[in-house]
């Protein structure tokens, strides 16, 4: 079986520029790409490299978009999509078909293929599996991030995307469902939560909190300069609780990158 990596997280916001400024100025990241093709979905977006992965923010530009409806259901900005890349998309597509998991949107262009799965069949969040031709290496091509994403990498403060946290009224059942879809076992994390380990990053399943119900609630980031991040968060009046902050309606937990900080 081929690799399966946590490659991209998509956040959704009512408008793009203010939460984007928070990510760049607090986390020390830089925009690598704005994809004009998302206009067909009534969206604007921006992507930022984080180690070998990417953060994306999308915002609706007109009424009646799927992203806009999600904002309404979730009661504001927050996590939207978990995006995994792999090298065996065709085989995985067959597996999804056998499970009866519907594809909400199939993407195919310029050596890139993606399957966005129906959230009613996955639960938790919109889940996408994709493959970019020649993208086996983490510093190789990754179509959603544009042709020059490597020049936008910054690691002085934030070095990697470590985990995505999905919250649910029944996190154990949600973990089992994603385990079946992704063909990866459920294990236990250090805090006892159900987790699925990927070849890059992991998925954690926890009880719903903050009154927002099921969804993509948090991210773990490996950081080299936590002090600078927390200081920048306070300057921009972003909520800070211990070693975590709230950006774009999403909990960001800061994990020391021991390779960088010792």
Protein backbone atom coordinates (compact mmCIF):
# COMPACT_ATOMS: atom_id res chain seq x y z
CA UNK A 1 0.00 0.00 0.00
CA UNK A 2 1.30 3.45 -0.91
CA UNK A 3 1.86 6.53 1.22
CA UNK A 4 -0.92 8.65 2.74
CA UNK A 5 0.05 12.08 4.07
CA UNK A 6 -1.62 14.99 5.85
CA UNK A 7 -0.74 17.46 3.13
CA UNK A 8 -3.18 20.36 3.39
CA UNK A 9 -5.73 21.84 5.75
CA UNK A 10 -8.40 24.20 4.47
CA UNK A 11 -9.97 26.76 6.79
CA UNK A 12 -13.04 28.77 5.85
CA UNK A 13 -13.67 32.40 6.78
CA UNK A 14 -16.33 34.98 6.10
CA UNK A 15 -13.65 37.16 4.51
CA UNK A 16 -10.10 36.34 3.52
CA UNK A 17 -7.61 39.05 4.35
CA UNK A 18 -7.91 39.52 8.14
CA UNK A 19 -7.47 35.83 9.11
CA UNK A 20 -4.78 35.52 6.45
CA UNK A 21 -2.89 38.39 8.08
CA UNK A 22 -3.16 36.58 11.42
CA UNK A 23 -1.58 33.42 9.97
CA UNK A 24 1.27 35.28 8.30
CA UNK A 25 2.06 37.76 11.06
CA UNK A 26 1.58 35.47 14.06
CA UNK A 27 2.88 32.15 12.73
CA UNK A 28 5.55 33.70 10.49
CA UNK A 29 4.22 32.09 7.31
CA UNK A 30 4.06 33.43 3.73
CA UNK A 31 1.54 33.09 0.92
CA UNK A 32 2.71 30.85 -1.92
CA UNK A 33 -0.36 30.82 -4.16
CA UNK A 34 -3.79 32.30 -4.79
CA UNK A 35 -5.78 30.07 -7.11
CA UNK A 36 -8.04 31.96 -9.51
CA UNK A 37 -9.78 28.71 -10.46
CA UNK A 38 -11.68 28.63 -7.16
CA UNK A 39 -13.74 31.56 -8.45
CA UNK A 40 -15.95 29.00 -10.21
CA UNK A 41 -17.04 27.87 -6.74
CA UNK A 42 -17.68 31.45 -5.60
CA UNK A 43 -14.48 31.57 -3.54
CA UNK A 44 -11.18 33.35 -3.09
CA UNK A 45 -8.27 31.60 -1.40
CA UNK A 46 -4.64 31.69 -0.31
CA UNK A 47 -2.18 28.88 0.50
CA UNK A 48 0.80 28.99 2.86
CA UNK A 49 3.53 26.32 3.16
CA UNK A 50 4.08 24.82 6.63
CA UNK A 51 7.03 22.44 6.46
CA UNK A 52 6.01 19.75 3.98
CA UNK A 53 2.31 20.63 4.26
CA UNK A 54 0.05 23.61 3.56
CA UNK A 55 -2.56 25.79 5.23
CA UNK A 56 -5.28 27.23 3.03
CA UNK A 57 -8.00 29.76 3.76
CA UNK A 58 -11.06 30.08 1.52
CA UNK A 59 -13.77 32.72 1.72
CA UNK A 60 -17.04 32.99 -0.22
CA UNK A 61 -17.54 35.86 -2.64
CA UNK A 62 -21.25 35.35 -3.30
CA UNK A 63 -24.30 33.92 -1.54
CA UNK A 64 -25.26 30.27 -1.89
CA UNK A 65 -21.81 28.64 -1.87
CA UNK A 66 -21.04 25.37 -0.10
CA UNK A 67 -18.40 27.20 1.96
CA UNK A 68 -20.92 29.87 2.94
CA UNK A 69 -23.44 27.26 4.05
CA UNK A 70 -20.73 25.57 6.10
CA UNK A 71 -19.94 28.88 7.81
CA UNK A 72 -23.60 29.18 8.76
CA UNK A 73 -23.82 25.61 10.08
CA UNK A 74 -20.65 25.96 12.14
CA UNK A 75 -21.48 29.42 13.44
CA UNK A 76 -18.47 31.25 12.00
CA UNK A 77 -14.90 30.80 10.78
CA UNK A 78 -13.23 27.44 11.32
CA UNK A 79 -11.81 24.24 9.93
CA UNK A 80 -13.29 23.08 6.63
CA UNK A 81 -11.32 20.35 4.83
CA UNK A 82 -8.73 17.69 5.63
CA UNK A 83 -6.69 17.03 2.49
CA UNK A 84 -4.46 13.96 2.16
CA UNK A 85 -2.16 13.15 -0.74
CA UNK A 86 -1.31 9.63 -1.83
CA UNK A 87 0.32 7.67 -4.65
CA UNK A 88 -2.48 5.15 -5.21
CA UNK A 89 -5.56 7.29 -5.80
CA UNK A 90 -7.13 4.92 -8.33
CA UNK A 91 -7.01 1.98 -5.92
CA UNK A 92 -8.35 4.11 -3.10
CA UNK A 93 -11.18 5.30 -5.35
CA UNK A 94 -12.19 1.68 -5.88
CA UNK A 95 -12.11 1.09 -2.13
CA UNK A 96 -14.38 4.11 -1.55
CA UNK A 97 -16.81 2.86 -4.18
CA UNK A 98 -17.02 -0.54 -2.49
CA UNK A 99 -17.73 1.19 0.83
CA UNK A 100 -20.48 3.28 -0.72
CA UNK A 101 -18.69 6.55 0.09
CA UNK A 102 -19.78 9.11 -2.48
CA UNK A 103 -17.46 11.49 -4.32
CA UNK A 104 -18.91 15.00 -4.05
CA UNK A 105 -16.39 16.51 -6.48
CA UNK A 106 -13.82 14.85 -8.75
CA UNK A 107 -10.95 17.06 -9.96
CA UNK A 108 -8.65 16.21 -12.85
CA UNK A 109 -6.31 18.65 -14.61
CA UNK A 110 -2.63 19.38 -15.24
CA UNK A 111 -1.36 16.08 -13.80
CA UNK A 112 -3.50 16.50 -10.69
CA UNK A 113 -6.37 14.30 -9.55
CA UNK A 114 -8.49 14.82 -6.47
CA UNK A 115 -11.53 13.15 -4.88
CA UNK A 116 -13.54 15.32 -2.49
CA UNK A 117 -15.75 12.98 -0.50
CA UNK A 118 -19.31 13.63 0.55
CA UNK A 119 -19.26 14.86 4.17
CA UNK A 120 -22.42 12.93 5.01
CA UNK A 121 -20.55 9.74 4.20
CA UNK A 122 -17.35 10.62 6.07
CA UNK A 123 -18.56 12.72 9.02
CA UNK A 124 -16.23 15.10 10.83
CA UNK A 125 -15.19 17.31 7.94
CA UNK A 126 -14.86 17.41 4.19
CA UNK A 127 -12.15 14.88 3.30
CA UNK A 128 -10.14 15.00 0.08
CA UNK A 129 -7.64 12.51 -1.33
CA UNK A 130 -5.39 13.71 -4.14
CA UNK A 131 -2.33 12.96 -6.21
CA UNK A 132 0.02 15.23 -8.17
CA UNK A 133 2.14 13.68 -10.92
CA UNK A 134 5.77 13.66 -9.75
CA UNK A 135 4.76 14.69 -6.24
CA UNK A 136 6.18 11.74 -4.32
CA UNK A 137 8.93 13.89 -2.75
CA UNK A 138 7.73 16.45 -0.20
CA UNK A 139 9.69 19.18 -2.00
CA UNK A 140 8.34 18.08 -5.38
CA UNK A 141 5.32 19.49 -7.22
CA UNK A 142 2.03 19.87 -5.37
CA UNK A 143 -0.51 21.31 -7.77
CA UNK A 144 -2.81 23.18 -5.33
CA UNK A 145 0.15 25.20 -4.00
CA UNK A 146 1.19 26.61 -7.37
CA UNK A 147 4.49 26.33 -9.26
CA UNK A 148 6.74 28.37 -6.95
CA UNK A 149 5.66 27.33 -3.45
CA UNK A 150 9.17 26.41 -2.33
CA UNK A 151 10.29 30.04 -2.38
CA UNK A 152 7.55 30.90 0.14
CA UNK A 153 8.67 28.42 2.81
CA UNK A 154 9.38 30.03 6.19
CA UNK A 155 10.56 28.14 9.28
CA UNK A 156 11.82 30.77 11.74
CA UNK A 157 8.69 30.39 13.88
CA UNK A 158 6.55 27.51 12.56
CA UNK A 159 8.18 24.39 11.16
CA UNK A 160 5.51 21.76 10.46
CA UNK A 161 1.87 20.72 10.54
CA UNK A 162 1.76 17.83 13.02
CA UNK A 163 -1.91 16.87 13.48
CA UNK A 164 -5.51 17.71 12.71
CA UNK A 165 -8.10 17.39 15.48
CA UNK A 166 -11.64 16.34 14.58
CA UNK A 167 -14.31 16.78 17.22
CA UNK A 168 -17.54 14.82 17.45
CA UNK A 169 -20.30 13.80 19.82
CA UNK A 170 -19.01 10.24 19.30
CA UNK A 171 -15.28 10.53 18.55
CA UNK A 172 -14.71 6.77 18.78
CA UNK A 173 -17.28 6.04 16.08
CA UNK A 174 -15.91 8.82 13.89
CA UNK A 175 -12.37 7.45 14.28
CA UNK A 176 -13.56 3.97 13.26
CA UNK A 177 -15.30 5.42 10.21
CA UNK A 178 -12.23 7.32 9.05
CA UNK A 179 -10.09 4.27 9.78
CA UNK A 180 -12.24 2.20 7.42
CA UNK A 181 -12.16 4.88 4.73
CA UNK A 182 -8.40 5.46 4.98
CA UNK A 183 -7.39 1.83 5.66
CA UNK A 184 -5.31 2.87 8.66
CA UNK A 185 -5.75 1.52 12.21
CA UNK A 186 -6.97 3.50 15.19
CA UNK A 187 -4.42 3.88 17.97
CA UNK A 188 -4.24 5.83 21.24
CA UNK A 189 -2.43 9.14 21.56
CA UNK A 190 -0.51 10.29 24.65
CA UNK A 191 -3.69 11.84 26.09
CA UNK A 192 -5.79 8.74 25.40
CA UNK A 193 -7.63 10.11 22.37
CA UNK A 194 -8.27 7.95 19.33
CA UNK A 195 -5.73 8.69 16.60
CA UNK A 196 -4.91 7.61 13.06
CA UNK A 197 -1.22 7.83 12.14
CA UNK A 198 -0.39 8.82 8.58
CA UNK A 199 2.94 8.80 6.76
CA UNK A 200 3.07 12.54 7.42
CA UNK A 201 1.08 13.80 10.39
CA UNK A 202 -1.83 12.26 12.23
CA UNK A 203 -5.55 12.68 12.83
CA UNK A 204 -6.92 12.96 16.38
CA UNK A 205 -10.57 12.46 17.39
CA UNK A 206 -11.94 14.20 20.46
CA UNK A 207 -15.26 15.09 22.08
CA UNK A 208 -17.05 18.12 20.66
CA UNK A 209 -16.34 21.35 22.48
CA UNK A 210 -17.01 25.11 22.32
CA UNK A 211 -20.66 24.45 21.49
CA UNK A 212 -19.83 24.03 17.79
CA UNK A 213 -20.63 20.35 17.31
CA UNK A 214 -18.87 18.06 14.87
CA UNK A 215 -16.09 19.43 12.69
CA UNK A 216 -12.42 20.17 12.22
CA UNK A 217 -11.70 21.99 15.45
CA UNK A 218 -7.94 22.17 15.91
CA UNK A 219 -4.44 21.78 14.54
CA UNK A 220 -1.08 20.92 16.12
CA UNK A 221 1.89 22.88 14.81
CA UNK A 222 5.57 22.17 15.45
CA UNK A 223 7.20 25.50 16.29
CA UNK A 224 10.75 26.74 16.66
CA UNK A 225 9.92 30.06 18.38
CA UNK A 226 6.83 29.74 20.56
CA UNK A 227 7.67 32.92 22.45
CA UNK A 228 7.62 35.02 19.27
CA UNK A 229 4.34 33.42 18.15
CA UNK A 230 2.61 34.12 21.47
CA UNK A 231 3.90 37.69 21.54
CA UNK A 232 2.64 38.32 18.01
CA UNK A 233 -0.74 36.78 18.92
CA UNK A 234 -1.10 39.18 21.82
CA UNK A 235 -0.18 42.14 19.62
CA UNK A 236 -2.94 41.15 17.20
CA UNK A 237 -5.34 40.43 20.09
CA UNK A 238 -5.75 36.79 19.07
CA UNK A 239 -7.11 34.72 21.98
CA UNK A 240 -4.33 32.81 23.79
CA UNK A 241 -4.87 30.00 26.30
CA UNK A 242 -1.66 28.50 27.65
CA UNK A 243 0.28 27.14 24.68
CA UNK A 244 -2.66 27.38 22.28
CA UNK A 245 -4.22 30.17 20.26
CA UNK A 246 -7.43 30.69 18.35
CA UNK A 247 -6.99 31.74 14.72
CA UNK A 248 -9.71 31.69 12.06
CA UNK A 249 -12.03 29.96 14.52
CA UNK A 250 -9.55 27.09 14.91
CA UNK A 251 -7.49 25.97 17.92
CA UNK A 252 -3.77 25.98 17.14
CA UNK A 253 -1.72 23.98 19.64
CA UNK A 254 1.97 24.85 19.63
CA UNK A 255 4.31 21.85 19.98
CA UNK A 256 8.04 22.46 20.48
CA UNK A 257 10.11 21.30 17.51
CA UNK A 258 12.88 19.67 19.53
CA UNK A 259 15.11 19.36 16.47
CA UNK A 260 15.09 23.14 16.20
CA UNK A 261 14.75 24.25 19.83
CA UNK A 262 16.72 21.50 21.59
